[in-house]
Amino acid sequence: MTFNSRLSVQSNLSKILILKGLSFAWFPIPTIMIFYEFHGLSIEQSIFLKTILSVSFFLLEIPSGYIADQWGRKFCLVFGSSIWVISWLIYCTQQTFLWFILAEFLTGIAGSLISGADTALTYDTFLQLNRVQEYRKFESFLVAIAGISEAICGLIGAIVAQYNLVYPFYLQTICLLFYCFLATQLVEPQHQIEEPSQVRPKLMSIVKNSLIINHSIRWFILLSGTFSVGTFLIVWLSQAYLANYNIPTAFLGIIWVAFHAVMSVASLTTSRLSQKFGTKNTLLFLIILLSGSYVFLGMIAQIWAILFVAIIYCVRGWVTPLLNDRKIGDWRLEIAD
């Protein structure tokens, strides 16, 4: 690799940091349940919308990986962010439950296209630069940036929402437009896994191998999906939980900042935690911590139980770089075989 091409590929790293921050500029999230309530939705309808988001994201996770292999990670990031812009424009301009269902479905598609592609592009960039050993640390840093971006933008969104609940959606749409533009400036790294025939596996072969033949990948998908749903569900449930105590809208932003500060600090200690206890023991500990926190939240109807919400945010901070490292290191190699 020439010096100029190395610099070109290396420029991905700074762009990825910015892209991560933009993708987590979730201005509407701290007050989105209030937004739904304002438009006449019940708590059941609100949770149903997030179920649509989770299901569409999960079902398209494997196909999105195939798309990334066929057309490139950069294509997925640009295409996914374009769909994401459309989904938020629906929230900016529409006010009915059916439109919100469409918006959540499109958001799930966008998320599935982006989530795997940005991880793969990051790893491939380090691989091409012969710096793979730095990947886990960089991934932890990305999680920290995501948490900081969520916290700051959530605080701003909560303040802005006091004037109009739709304004935070406009702010995030602007950030996603910047994301889409910056994604077009990325450099696609060379694919590092080369098959002898140079023929990519068919989509159905990948699905069959992932869900039927290869037991380790199948259980990894279920584990990863469970952690994703379990740690992200608290984002919506905590708003309903805090609403029981009549927390002011602006104060929701401050609590949001505190939660994400905890998550960011936790993410930076992931490498130390996994090195000390091992990946399997760490995951087992996080499973117990996550399930136990939900149990105590259901049993304790007092404001101090919000500490268990903070613990779930810690789990979210720890598990993301841990699972991403295993997904990139083991998953792709097994599919290549």
C-alpha atoms as a PDB file:
ATOM      1  CA  MET A   1       0.000   0.000   0.000  1.00  0.00           C
ATOM      2  CA  THR A   2       1.414   3.387  -1.023  1.00  0.00           C
ATOM      3  CA  PHE A   3       1.837   6.259   1.420  1.00  0.00           C
ATOM      4  CA  ASN A   4      -0.998   8.272  -0.163  1.00  0.00           C
ATOM      5  CA  SER A   5      -3.416   5.339  -0.147  1.00  0.00           C
ATOM      6  CA  ARG A   6      -2.502   4.624   3.482  1.00  0.00           C
ATOM      7  CA  LEU A   7      -3.282   8.228   4.437  1.00  0.00           C
ATOM      8  CA  SER A   8      -6.523   8.013   2.479  1.00  0.00           C
ATOM      9  CA  VAL A   9      -7.638   4.892   4.318  1.00  0.00           C
ATOM     10  CA  GLN A  10      -6.429   6.259   7.656  1.00  0.00           C
ATOM     11  CA  SER A  11      -8.659   9.319   7.168  1.00  0.00           C
ATOM     12  CA  ASN A  12     -11.593   6.939   7.671  1.00  0.00           C
ATOM     13  CA  LEU A  13     -10.858   6.799  11.386  1.00  0.00           C
ATOM     14  CA  SER A  14     -11.482  10.490  12.071  1.00  0.00           C
ATOM     15  CA  LYS A  15     -14.566  10.421   9.832  1.00  0.00           C
ATOM     16  CA  ILE A  16     -15.896   7.368  11.647  1.00  0.00           C
ATOM     17  CA  LEU A  17     -15.582   9.194  14.969  1.00  0.00           C
ATOM     18  CA  ILE A  18     -17.657  12.089  13.611  1.00  0.00           C
ATOM     19  CA  LEU A  19     -20.163   9.730  11.994  1.00  0.00           C
ATOM     20  CA  LYS A  20     -20.632   7.901  15.280  1.00  0.00           C
ATOM     21  CA  GLY A  21     -21.391  11.163  17.046  1.00  0.00           C
ATOM     22  CA  LEU A  22     -23.859  12.228  14.337  1.00  0.00           C
ATOM     23  CA  SER A  23     -25.622   8.864  14.302  1.00  0.00           C
ATOM     24  CA  PHE A  24     -26.245   9.131  18.048  1.00  0.00           C
ATOM     25  CA  ALA A  25     -27.381  12.757  17.990  1.00  0.00           C
ATOM     26  CA  TRP A  26     -30.750  11.641  19.302  1.00  0.00           C
ATOM     27  CA  PHE A  27     -32.370  14.941  20.180  1.00  0.00           C
ATOM     28  CA  PRO A  28     -35.965  13.544  20.339  1.00  0.00           C
ATOM     29  CA  ILE A  29     -35.343  10.387  22.365  1.00  0.00           C
ATOM     30  CA  PRO A  30     -35.553  11.732  25.974  1.00  0.00           C
ATOM     31  CA  THR A  31     -39.031  13.157  25.270  1.00  0.00           C
ATOM     32  CA  ILE A  32     -40.317  10.840  22.535  1.00  0.00           C
ATOM     33  CA  MET A  33     -42.790   9.090  24.861  1.00  0.00           C
ATOM     34  CA  ILE A  34     -44.195  12.496  25.757  1.00  0.00           C
ATOM     35  CA  PHE A  35     -44.363  13.241  22.015  1.00  0.00           C
ATOM     36  CA  TYR A  36     -46.401  10.068  21.477  1.00  0.00           C
ATOM     37  CA  GLU A  37     -48.706  10.919  24.378  1.00  0.00           C
ATOM     38  CA  PHE A  38     -49.220  14.428  22.983  1.00  0.00           C
ATOM     39  CA  HIS A  39     -50.425  12.860  19.732  1.00  0.00           C
ATOM     40  CA  GLY A  40     -52.919  10.651  21.553  1.00  0.00           C
ATOM     41  CA  LEU A  41     -50.974   7.380  21.670  1.00  0.00           C
ATOM     42  CA  SER A  42     -51.266   5.056  24.644  1.00  0.00           C
ATOM     43  CA  ILE A  43     -48.254   3.546  26.381  1.00  0.00           C
ATOM     44  CA  GLU A  44     -49.081   0.228  24.660  1.00  0.00           C
ATOM     45  CA  GLN A  45     -49.045   1.886  21.222  1.00  0.00           C
ATOM     46  CA  SER A  46     -45.787   3.650  22.050  1.00  0.00           C
ATOM     47  CA  ILE A  47     -44.085   0.406  23.045  1.00  0.00           C
ATOM     48  CA  PHE A  48     -45.558  -1.285  19.958  1.00  0.00           C
ATOM     49  CA  LEU A  49     -43.805   1.314  17.775  1.00  0.00           C
ATOM     50  CA  LYS A  50     -40.493   0.438  19.396  1.00  0.00           C
ATOM     51  CA  THR A  51     -41.262  -3.244  18.889  1.00  0.00           C
ATOM     52  CA  ILE A  52     -41.671  -2.531  15.164  1.00  0.00           C
ATOM     53  CA  LEU A  53     -38.274  -0.832  15.257  1.00  0.00           C
ATOM     54  CA  SER A  54     -36.590  -3.764  17.018  1.00  0.00           C
ATOM     55  CA  VAL A  55     -38.185  -6.449  14.837  1.00  0.00           C
ATOM     56  CA  SER A  56     -37.379  -4.709  11.542  1.00  0.00           C
ATOM     57  CA  PHE A  57     -33.818  -4.130  12.737  1.00  0.00           C
ATOM     58  CA  PHE A  58     -33.359  -7.768  13.796  1.00  0.00           C
ATOM     59  CA  LEU A  59     -34.908  -9.340  10.674  1.00  0.00           C
ATOM     60  CA  LEU A  60     -32.723  -7.291   8.335  1.00  0.00           C
ATOM     61  CA  GLU A  61     -29.474  -7.774  10.264  1.00  0.00           C
ATOM     62  CA  ILE A  62     -28.228 -10.724   8.150  1.00  0.00           C
ATOM     63  CA  PRO A  63     -29.481  -9.412   4.752  1.00  0.00           C
ATOM     64  CA  SER A  64     -27.833  -6.071   5.489  1.00  0.00           C
ATOM     65  CA  GLY A  65     -24.505  -7.864   5.980  1.00  0.00           C
ATOM     66  CA  TYR A  66     -24.951  -9.519   2.600  1.00  0.00           C
ATOM     67  CA  ILE A  67     -25.728  -6.129   1.010  1.00  0.00           C
ATOM     68  CA  ALA A  68     -22.583  -4.689   2.601  1.00  0.00           C
ATOM     69  CA  ASP A  69     -20.504  -7.523   1.120  1.00  0.00           C
ATOM     70  CA  GLN A  70     -22.062  -7.109  -2.320  1.00  0.00           C
ATOM     71  CA  TRP A  71     -22.119  -3.315  -2.676  1.00  0.00           C
ATOM     72  CA  GLY A  72     -19.730  -2.170   0.017  1.00  0.00           C
ATOM     73  CA  ARG A  73     -19.880  -0.764   3.525  1.00  0.00           C
ATOM     74  CA  LYS A  74     -19.820   2.803   2.221  1.00  0.00           C
ATOM     75  CA  PHE A  75     -22.918   2.146   0.103  1.00  0.00           C
ATOM     76  CA  CYS A  76     -24.763   0.820   3.175  1.00  0.00           C
ATOM     77  CA  LEU A  77     -23.867   3.874   5.240  1.00  0.00           C
ATOM     78  CA  VAL A  78     -24.986   6.322   2.537  1.00  0.00           C
ATOM     79  CA  PHE A  79     -28.132   4.379   1.630  1.00  0.00           C
ATOM     80  CA  GLY A  80     -29.016   3.670   5.247  1.00  0.00           C
ATOM     81  CA  SER A  81     -28.632   7.287   6.348  1.00  0.00           C
ATOM     82  CA  SER A  82     -30.780   8.400   3.384  1.00  0.00           C
ATOM     83  CA  ILE A  83     -33.587   6.094   4.548  1.00  0.00           C
ATOM     84  CA  TRP A  84     -33.105   7.375   8.094  1.00  0.00           C
ATOM     85  CA  VAL A  85     -33.588  10.963   6.911  1.00  0.00           C
ATOM     86  CA  ILE A  86     -36.896   9.958   5.312  1.00  0.00           C
ATOM     87  CA  SER A  87     -38.075   8.268   8.514  1.00  0.00           C
ATOM     88  CA  TRP A  88     -37.414  11.376  10.614  1.00  0.00           C
ATOM     89  CA  LEU A  89     -39.014  13.636   8.028  1.00  0.00           C
ATOM     90  CA  ILE A  90     -42.182  11.578   8.546  1.00  0.00           C
ATOM     91  CA  TYR A  91     -42.046  12.443  12.249  1.00  0.00           C
ATOM     92  CA  CYS A  92     -41.478  16.088  11.358  1.00  0.00           C
ATOM     93  CA  THR A  93     -44.503  16.294   9.076  1.00  0.00           C
ATOM     94  CA  GLN A  94     -47.025  13.607  10.145  1.00  0.00           C
ATOM     95  CA  GLN A  95     -49.055  13.086  13.308  1.00  0.00           C
ATOM     96  CA  THR A  96     -50.806   9.707  13.111  1.00  0.00           C
ATOM     97  CA  PHE A  97     -50.070   6.254  14.483  1.00  0.00           C
ATOM     98  CA  LEU A  98     -49.916   4.604  11.038  1.00  0.00           C
ATOM     99  CA  TRP A  99     -47.353   7.110   9.779  1.00  0.00           C
ATOM    100  CA  PHE A 100     -45.309   6.549  12.939  1.00  0.00           C
ATOM    101  CA  ILE A 101     -45.349   2.780  12.253  1.00  0.00           C
ATOM    102  CA  LEU A 102     -43.885   3.433   8.791  1.00  0.00           C
ATOM    103  CA  ALA A 103     -41.262   5.758  10.291  1.00  0.00           C
ATOM    104  CA  GLU A 104     -40.175   3.138  12.845  1.00  0.00           C
ATOM    105  CA  PHE A 105     -40.012   0.419  10.188  1.00  0.00           C
ATOM    106  CA  LEU A 106     -37.799   2.615   7.984  1.00  0.00           C
ATOM    107  CA  THR A 107     -35.649   3.495  10.990  1.00  0.00           C
ATOM    108  CA  GLY A 108     -35.122  -0.229  11.627  1.00  0.00           C
ATOM    109  CA  ILE A 109     -34.035  -0.740   8.010  1.00  0.00           C
ATOM    110  CA  ALA A 110     -31.658   2.223   8.243  1.00  0.00           C
ATOM    111  CA  GLY A 111     -30.238   1.004  11.550  1.00  0.00           C
ATOM    112  CA  SER A 112     -29.587  -2.509  10.247  1.00  0.00           C
ATOM    113  CA  LEU A 113     -27.796  -1.144   7.182  1.00  0.00           C
ATOM    114  CA  ILE A 114     -25.636   1.203   9.212  1.00  0.00           C
ATOM    115  CA  SER A 115     -24.866  -0.804  12.364  1.00  0.00           C
ATOM    116  CA  GLY A 116     -23.024  -3.692  10.751  1.00  0.00           C
ATOM    117  CA  ALA A 117     -21.494  -1.640   7.959  1.00  0.00           C
ATOM    118  CA  ASP A 118     -19.813   0.934  10.193  1.00  0.00           C
ATOM    119  CA  THR A 119     -18.375  -1.807  12.426  1.00  0.00           C
ATOM    120  CA  ALA A 120     -17.075  -3.781   9.432  1.00  0.00           C
ATOM    121  CA  LEU A 121     -15.639  -0.687   7.763  1.00  0.00           C
ATOM    122  CA  THR A 122     -13.866   0.276  10.994  1.00  0.00           C
ATOM    123  CA  TYR A 123     -12.377  -3.187  11.406  1.00  0.00           C
ATOM    124  CA  ASP A 124     -11.345  -3.417   7.728  1.00  0.00           C
ATOM    125  CA  THR A 125      -9.671  -0.029   8.018  1.00  0.00           C
ATOM    126  CA  PHE A 126      -7.558  -1.207  10.958  1.00  0.00           C
ATOM    127  CA  LEU A 127      -6.880  -4.473   9.139  1.00  0.00           C
ATOM    128  CA  GLN A 128      -5.605  -2.712   6.034  1.00  0.00           C
ATOM    129  CA  LEU A 129      -3.433  -0.443   8.192  1.00  0.00           C
ATOM    130  CA  ASN A 130      -2.032  -3.505  10.050  1.00  0.00           C
ATOM    131  CA  ARG A 131      -3.314  -2.117  13.361  1.00  0.00           C
ATOM    132  CA  VAL A 132      -5.926  -4.726  14.283  1.00  0.00           C
ATOM    133  CA  GLN A 133      -4.714  -4.816  17.891  1.00  0.00           C
ATOM    134  CA  GLU A 134      -6.036  -1.260  18.312  1.00  0.00           C
ATOM    135  CA  TYR A 135      -9.575  -2.144  17.208  1.00  0.00           C
ATOM    136  CA  ARG A 136     -11.133  -3.012  20.585  1.00  0.00           C
ATOM    137  CA  LYS A 137      -9.790   0.151  22.201  1.00  0.00           C
ATOM    138  CA  PHE A 138     -11.083   2.239  19.284  1.00  0.00           C
ATOM    139  CA  GLU A 139     -14.485   0.503  19.516  1.00  0.00           C
ATOM    140  CA  SER A 140     -14.682   1.360  23.215  1.00  0.00           C
ATOM    141  CA  PHE A 141     -13.864   4.952  22.308  1.00  0.00           C
ATOM    142  CA  LEU A 142     -16.670   4.926  19.734  1.00  0.00           C
ATOM    143  CA  VAL A 143     -19.133   3.745  22.375  1.00  0.00           C
ATOM    144  CA  ALA A 144     -17.971   6.574  24.639  1.00  0.00           C
ATOM    145  CA  ILE A 145     -18.485   9.109  21.842  1.00  0.00           C
ATOM    146  CA  ALA A 146     -21.929   7.653  21.166  1.00  0.00           C
ATOM    147  CA  GLY A 147     -22.819   8.057  24.841  1.00  0.00           C
ATOM    148  CA  ILE A 148     -21.507  11.620  24.995  1.00  0.00           C
ATOM    149  CA  SER A 149     -23.379  12.549  21.812  1.00  0.00           C
ATOM    150  CA  GLU A 150     -26.591  10.969  23.113  1.00  0.00           C
ATOM    151  CA  ALA A 151     -26.209  12.807  26.418  1.00  0.00           C
ATOM    152  CA  ILE A 152     -25.511  16.274  25.056  1.00  0.00           C
ATOM    153  CA  CYS A 153     -28.040  16.091  22.212  1.00  0.00           C
ATOM    154  CA  GLY A 154     -30.638  14.569  24.528  1.00  0.00           C
ATOM    155  CA  LEU A 155     -30.197  17.466  26.955  1.00  0.00           C
ATOM    156  CA  ILE A 156     -30.564  19.997  24.134  1.00  0.00           C
ATOM    157  CA  GLY A 157     -33.548  18.085  22.762  1.00  0.00           C
ATOM    158  CA  ALA A 158     -35.295  18.075  26.140  1.00  0.00           C
ATOM    159  CA  ILE A 159     -34.805  21.839  26.478  1.00  0.00           C
ATOM    160  CA  VAL A 160     -36.014  22.517  22.928  1.00  0.00           C
ATOM    161  CA  ALA A 161     -39.002  20.188  23.385  1.00  0.00           C
ATOM    162  CA  GLN A 162     -40.383  22.545  26.031  1.00  0.00           C
ATOM    163  CA  TYR A 163     -41.204  24.968  23.212  1.00  0.00           C
ATOM    164  CA  ASN A 164     -42.360  22.435  20.619  1.00  0.00           C
ATOM    165  CA  LEU A 165     -42.117  18.641  20.794  1.00  0.00           C
ATOM    166  CA  VAL A 166     -41.363  18.353  17.059  1.00  0.00           C
ATOM    167  CA  TYR A 167     -38.305  20.659  17.094  1.00  0.00           C
ATOM    168  CA  PRO A 168     -35.917  17.883  18.283  1.00  0.00           C
ATOM    169  CA  PHE A 169     -36.858  15.851  15.193  1.00  0.00           C
ATOM    170  CA  TYR A 170     -35.785  18.703  12.936  1.00  0.00           C
ATOM    171  CA  LEU A 171     -32.437  18.889  14.738  1.00  0.00           C
ATOM    172  CA  GLN A 172     -31.752  15.179  14.271  1.00  0.00           C
ATOM    173  CA  THR A 173     -32.784  15.317  10.611  1.00  0.00           C
ATOM    174  CA  ILE A 174     -30.145  18.013  10.034  1.00  0.00           C
ATOM    175  CA  CYS A 175     -27.498  15.838  11.733  1.00  0.00           C
ATOM    176  CA  LEU A 176     -28.458  12.876   9.541  1.00  0.00           C
ATOM    177  CA  LEU A 177     -28.116  14.993   6.402  1.00  0.00           C
ATOM    178  CA  PHE A 178     -24.546  15.806   7.503  1.00  0.00           C
ATOM    179  CA  TYR A 179     -24.022  12.091   8.213  1.00  0.00           C
ATOM    180  CA  CYS A 180     -25.125  11.155   4.706  1.00  0.00           C
ATOM    181  CA  PHE A 181     -22.748  13.705   3.154  1.00  0.00           C
ATOM    182  CA  LEU A 182     -19.759  12.664   5.281  1.00  0.00           C
ATOM    183  CA  ALA A 183     -20.404   8.980   4.537  1.00  0.00           C
ATOM    184  CA  THR A 184     -19.896   9.724   0.825  1.00  0.00           C
ATOM    185  CA  GLN A 185     -16.348  10.878   1.696  1.00  0.00           C
ATOM    186  CA  LEU A 186     -15.274   7.541   3.200  1.00  0.00           C
ATOM    187  CA  VAL A 187     -12.718   5.323   1.478  1.00  0.00           C
ATOM    188  CA  GLU A 188     -13.815   1.704   1.023  1.00  0.00           C
ATOM    189  CA  PRO A 189     -11.036  -0.542   2.455  1.00  0.00           C
ATOM    190  CA  GLN A 190     -10.001  -3.634   0.533  1.00  0.00           C
ATOM    191  CA  HIS A 191     -11.866  -6.778   1.579  1.00  0.00           C
ATOM    192  CA  GLN A 192      -9.425  -8.727   3.686  1.00  0.00           C
ATOM    193  CA  ILE A 193     -11.131 -12.132   3.527  1.00  0.00           C
ATOM    194  CA  GLU A 194     -10.555 -13.543   0.051  1.00  0.00           C
ATOM    195  CA  GLU A 195     -12.167 -16.802  -0.962  1.00  0.00           C
ATOM    196  CA  PRO A 196     -10.306 -19.034  -3.410  1.00  0.00           C
ATOM    197  CA  SER A 197     -13.110 -18.878  -5.955  1.00  0.00           C
ATOM    198  CA  GLN A 198     -13.617 -15.153  -5.376  1.00  0.00           C
ATOM    199  CA  VAL A 199     -17.351 -15.860  -5.428  1.00  0.00           C
ATOM    200  CA  ARG A 200     -19.403 -14.456  -2.589  1.00  0.00           C
ATOM    201  CA  PRO A 201     -21.776 -16.839  -0.826  1.00  0.00           C
ATOM    202  CA  LYS A 202     -25.439 -16.587  -1.684  1.00  0.00           C
ATOM    203  CA  LEU A 203     -27.756 -14.879   0.775  1.00  0.00           C
ATOM    204  CA  MET A 204     -29.703 -18.071   1.574  1.00  0.00           C
ATOM    205  CA  SER A 205     -26.429 -19.921   2.180  1.00  0.00           C
ATOM    206  CA  ILE A 206     -25.415 -17.271   4.696  1.00  0.00           C
ATOM    207  CA  VAL A 207     -28.784 -17.458   6.454  1.00  0.00           C
ATOM    208  CA  LYS A 208     -28.672 -21.276   6.531  1.00  0.00           C
ATOM    209  CA  ASN A 209     -25.112 -21.299   7.853  1.00  0.00           C
ATOM    210  CA  SER A 210     -25.845 -18.634  10.453  1.00  0.00           C
ATOM    211  CA  LEU A 211     -29.154 -19.922  11.807  1.00  0.00           C
ATOM    212  CA  ILE A 212     -29.093 -23.694  11.194  1.00  0.00           C
ATOM    213  CA  ILE A 213     -25.666 -25.192  10.527  1.00  0.00           C
ATOM    214  CA  ASN A 214     -23.323 -23.091  12.656  1.00  0.00           C
ATOM    215  CA  HIS A 215     -24.502 -23.378  16.259  1.00  0.00           C
ATOM    216  CA  SER A 216     -22.034 -20.858  17.666  1.00  0.00           C
ATOM    217  CA  ILE A 217     -23.115 -18.131  15.236  1.00  0.00           C
ATOM    218  CA  ARG A 218     -26.810 -18.881  15.847  1.00  0.00           C
ATOM    219  CA  TRP A 219     -26.443 -18.538  19.591  1.00  0.00           C
ATOM    220  CA  PHE A 220     -24.291 -15.472  19.156  1.00  0.00           C
ATOM    221  CA  ILE A 221     -27.073 -13.827  17.094  1.00  0.00           C
ATOM    222  CA  LEU A 222     -29.619 -14.616  19.807  1.00  0.00           C
ATOM    223  CA  LEU A 223     -27.294 -13.384  22.559  1.00  0.00           C
ATOM    224  CA  SER A 224     -26.454 -10.188  20.695  1.00  0.00           C
ATOM    225  CA  GLY A 225     -30.111  -9.562  19.848  1.00  0.00           C
ATOM    226  CA  THR A 226     -31.209 -10.156  23.446  1.00  0.00           C
ATOM    227  CA  PHE A 227     -28.594  -7.764  24.802  1.00  0.00           C
ATOM    228  CA  SER A 228     -29.519  -5.140  22.188  1.00  0.00           C
ATOM    229  CA  VAL A 229     -33.217  -5.290  23.021  1.00  0.00           C
ATOM    230  CA  GLY A 230     -32.668  -5.627  26.770  1.00  0.00           C
ATOM    231  CA  THR A 231     -30.305  -2.685  27.096  1.00  0.00           C
ATOM    232  CA  PHE A 232     -32.148  -0.402  24.678  1.00  0.00           C
ATOM    233  CA  LEU A 233     -35.649  -1.109  25.988  1.00  0.00           C
ATOM    234  CA  ILE A 234     -34.771   0.814  29.134  1.00  0.00           C
ATOM    235  CA  VAL A 235     -34.507   4.023  27.063  1.00  0.00           C
ATOM    236  CA  TRP A 236     -38.276   3.945  26.536  1.00  0.00           C
ATOM    237  CA  LEU A 237     -39.336   2.335  29.797  1.00  0.00           C
ATOM    238  CA  SER A 238     -37.304   4.740  31.928  1.00  0.00           C
ATOM    239  CA  GLN A 239     -39.280   7.683  30.499  1.00  0.00           C
ATOM    240  CA  ALA A 240     -42.571   6.083  31.551  1.00  0.00           C
ATOM    241  CA  TYR A 241     -40.988   5.171  34.902  1.00  0.00           C
ATOM    242  CA  LEU A 242     -39.877   8.746  35.570  1.00  0.00           C
ATOM    243  CA  ALA A 243     -43.228  10.126  34.410  1.00  0.00           C
ATOM    244  CA  ASN A 244     -44.807   8.430  37.447  1.00  0.00           C
ATOM    245  CA  TYR A 245     -42.874  10.878  39.618  1.00  0.00           C
ATOM    246  CA  ASN A 246     -43.870  13.983  37.585  1.00  0.00           C
ATOM    247  CA  ILE A 247     -40.312  14.786  36.515  1.00  0.00           C
ATOM    248  CA  PRO A 248     -40.249  18.082  34.509  1.00  0.00           C
ATOM    249  CA  THR A 249     -39.430  17.791  30.783  1.00  0.00           C
ATOM    250  CA  ALA A 250     -36.177  19.781  31.019  1.00  0.00           C
ATOM    251  CA  PHE A 251     -35.018  17.680  33.984  1.00  0.00           C
ATOM    252  CA  LEU A 252     -35.416  14.554  31.861  1.00  0.00           C
ATOM    253  CA  GLY A 253     -32.504  15.885  29.791  1.00  0.00           C
ATOM    254  CA  ILE A 254     -30.297  16.189  32.878  1.00  0.00           C
ATOM    255  CA  ILE A 255     -31.099  12.618  33.923  1.00  0.00           C
ATOM    256  CA  TRP A 256     -30.403  11.518  30.337  1.00  0.00           C
ATOM    257  CA  VAL A 257     -26.935  13.117  30.554  1.00  0.00           C
ATOM    258  CA  ALA A 258     -26.205  11.336  33.828  1.00  0.00           C
ATOM    259  CA  PHE A 259     -27.192   7.946  32.418  1.00  0.00           C
ATOM    260  CA  HIS A 260     -25.005   8.359  29.359  1.00  0.00           C
ATOM    261  CA  ALA A 261     -22.064   9.640  31.354  1.00  0.00           C
ATOM    262  CA  VAL A 262     -22.233   6.375  33.284  1.00  0.00           C
ATOM    263  CA  MET A 263     -22.479   4.389  30.032  1.00  0.00           C
ATOM    264  CA  SER A 264     -19.497   6.197  28.484  1.00  0.00           C
ATOM    265  CA  VAL A 265     -17.278   5.611  31.522  1.00  0.00           C
ATOM    266  CA  ALA A 266     -18.277   1.931  31.581  1.00  0.00           C
ATOM    267  CA  SER A 267     -17.453   1.467  27.884  1.00  0.00           C
ATOM    268  CA  LEU A 268     -13.902   2.729  28.437  1.00  0.00           C
ATOM    269  CA  THR A 269     -13.278  -0.040  30.992  1.00  0.00           C
ATOM    270  CA  THR A 270     -14.449  -2.897  28.736  1.00  0.00           C
ATOM    271  CA  SER A 271     -10.983  -4.068  27.693  1.00  0.00           C
ATOM    272  CA  ARG A 272      -9.753  -4.156  31.289  1.00  0.00           C
ATOM    273  CA  LEU A 273     -12.858  -6.060  32.402  1.00  0.00           C
ATOM    274  CA  SER A 274     -12.651  -8.719  29.666  1.00  0.00           C
ATOM    275  CA  GLN A 275      -8.907  -9.176  30.121  1.00  0.00           C
ATOM    276  CA  LYS A 276      -9.309  -9.714  33.864  1.00  0.00           C
ATOM    277  CA  PHE A 277     -12.301 -12.093  33.831  1.00  0.00           C
ATOM    278  CA  GLY A 278     -12.383 -13.402  30.242  1.00  0.00           C
ATOM    279  CA  THR A 279     -15.081 -12.801  27.626  1.00  0.00           C
ATOM    280  CA  LYS A 280     -17.427 -15.638  28.678  1.00  0.00           C
ATOM    281  CA  ASN A 281     -17.318 -14.813  32.393  1.00  0.00           C
ATOM    282  CA  THR A 282     -17.845 -11.133  31.644  1.00  0.00           C
ATOM    283  CA  LEU A 283     -20.889 -11.887  29.468  1.00  0.00           C
ATOM    284  CA  LEU A 284     -22.338 -14.155  32.174  1.00  0.00           C
ATOM    285  CA  PHE A 285     -21.869 -11.397  34.732  1.00  0.00           C
ATOM    286  CA  LEU A 286     -23.589  -8.879  32.436  1.00  0.00           C
ATOM    287  CA  ILE A 287     -26.536 -11.249  31.874  1.00  0.00           C
ATOM    288  CA  ILE A 288     -27.058 -11.558  35.646  1.00  0.00           C
ATOM    289  CA  LEU A 289     -26.651  -7.812  36.101  1.00  0.00           C
ATOM    290  CA  LEU A 290     -29.125  -6.960  33.312  1.00  0.00           C
ATOM    291  CA  SER A 291     -31.842  -9.433  34.324  1.00  0.00           C
ATOM    292  CA  GLY A 292     -31.451  -8.628  38.014  1.00  0.00           C
ATOM    293  CA  SER A 293     -31.841  -4.898  37.391  1.00  0.00           C
ATOM    294  CA  TYR A 294     -35.124  -5.406  35.550  1.00  0.00           C
ATOM    295  CA  VAL A 295     -36.417  -7.663  38.337  1.00  0.00           C
ATOM    296  CA  PHE A 296     -35.636  -5.060  41.007  1.00  0.00           C
ATOM    297  CA  LEU A 297     -37.187  -2.271  38.908  1.00  0.00           C
ATOM    298  CA  GLY A 298     -40.395  -4.312  38.819  1.00  0.00           C
ATOM    299  CA  MET A 299     -40.337  -4.977  42.566  1.00  0.00           C
ATOM    300  CA  ILE A 300     -39.339  -1.551  43.891  1.00  0.00           C
ATOM    301  CA  ALA A 301     -41.753   1.348  43.336  1.00  0.00           C
ATOM    302  CA  GLN A 302     -39.545   4.094  44.738  1.00  0.00           C
ATOM    303  CA  ILE A 303     -37.562   6.861  43.055  1.00  0.00           C
ATOM    304  CA  TRP A 304     -34.203   5.539  44.310  1.00  0.00           C
ATOM    305  CA  ALA A 305     -34.718   2.426  42.146  1.00  0.00           C
ATOM    306  CA  ILE A 306     -33.549   4.620  39.280  1.00  0.00           C
ATOM    307  CA  LEU A 307     -30.094   3.325  40.273  1.00  0.00           C
ATOM    308  CA  PHE A 308     -31.001   0.066  38.518  1.00  0.00           C
ATOM    309  CA  VAL A 309     -31.676   2.044  35.335  1.00  0.00           C
ATOM    310  CA  ALA A 310     -28.134   3.407  35.633  1.00  0.00           C
ATOM    311  CA  ILE A 311     -26.816  -0.158  36.034  1.00  0.00           C
ATOM    312  CA  ILE A 312     -28.550  -1.183  32.791  1.00  0.00           C
ATOM    313  CA  TYR A 313     -26.847   1.740  31.049  1.00  0.00           C
ATOM    314  CA  CYS A 314     -23.535   0.431  32.431  1.00  0.00           C
ATOM    315  CA  VAL A 315     -24.294  -2.980  30.912  1.00  0.00           C
ATOM    316  CA  ARG A 316     -25.017  -1.268  27.598  1.00  0.00           C
ATOM    317  CA  GLY A 317     -21.656   0.490  27.749  1.00  0.00           C
ATOM    318  CA  TRP A 318     -19.755  -2.727  28.515  1.00  0.00           C
ATOM    319  CA  VAL A 319     -21.504  -5.124  26.154  1.00  0.00           C
ATOM    320  CA  THR A 320     -21.351  -3.170  22.885  1.00  0.00           C
ATOM    321  CA  PRO A 321     -17.559  -3.211  22.311  1.00  0.00           C
ATOM    322  CA  LEU A 322     -17.374  -6.707  23.797  1.00  0.00           C
ATOM    323  CA  LEU A 323     -19.883  -8.212  21.345  1.00  0.00           C
ATOM    324  CA  ASN A 324     -18.653  -6.180  18.375  1.00  0.00           C
ATOM    325  CA  ASP A 325     -15.141  -7.484  18.910  1.00  0.00           C
ATOM    326  CA  ARG A 326     -16.377 -11.100  18.974  1.00  0.00           C
ATOM    327  CA  LYS A 327     -18.682 -10.503  16.008  1.00  0.00           C
ATOM    328  CA  ILE A 328     -15.891  -9.152  13.845  1.00  0.00           C
ATOM    329  CA  GLY A 329     -13.196 -11.522  15.065  1.00  0.00           C
ATOM    330  CA  ASP A 330     -15.117 -14.822  15.022  1.00  0.00           C
ATOM    331  CA  TRP A 331     -18.317 -14.419  12.985  1.00  0.00           C
ATOM    332  CA  ARG A 332     -16.797 -13.334   9.688  1.00  0.00           C
ATOM    333  CA  LEU A 333     -14.046 -15.925   9.805  1.00  0.00           C
ATOM    334  CA  GLU A 334     -16.533 -18.752  10.400  1.00  0.00           C
ATOM    335  CA  ILE A 335     -18.767 -17.579   7.521  1.00  0.00           C
ATOM    336  CA  ALA A 336     -15.687 -17.368   5.303  1.00  0.00           C
ATOM    337  CA  ASP A 337     -14.937 -20.993   6.066  1.00  0.00           C
END
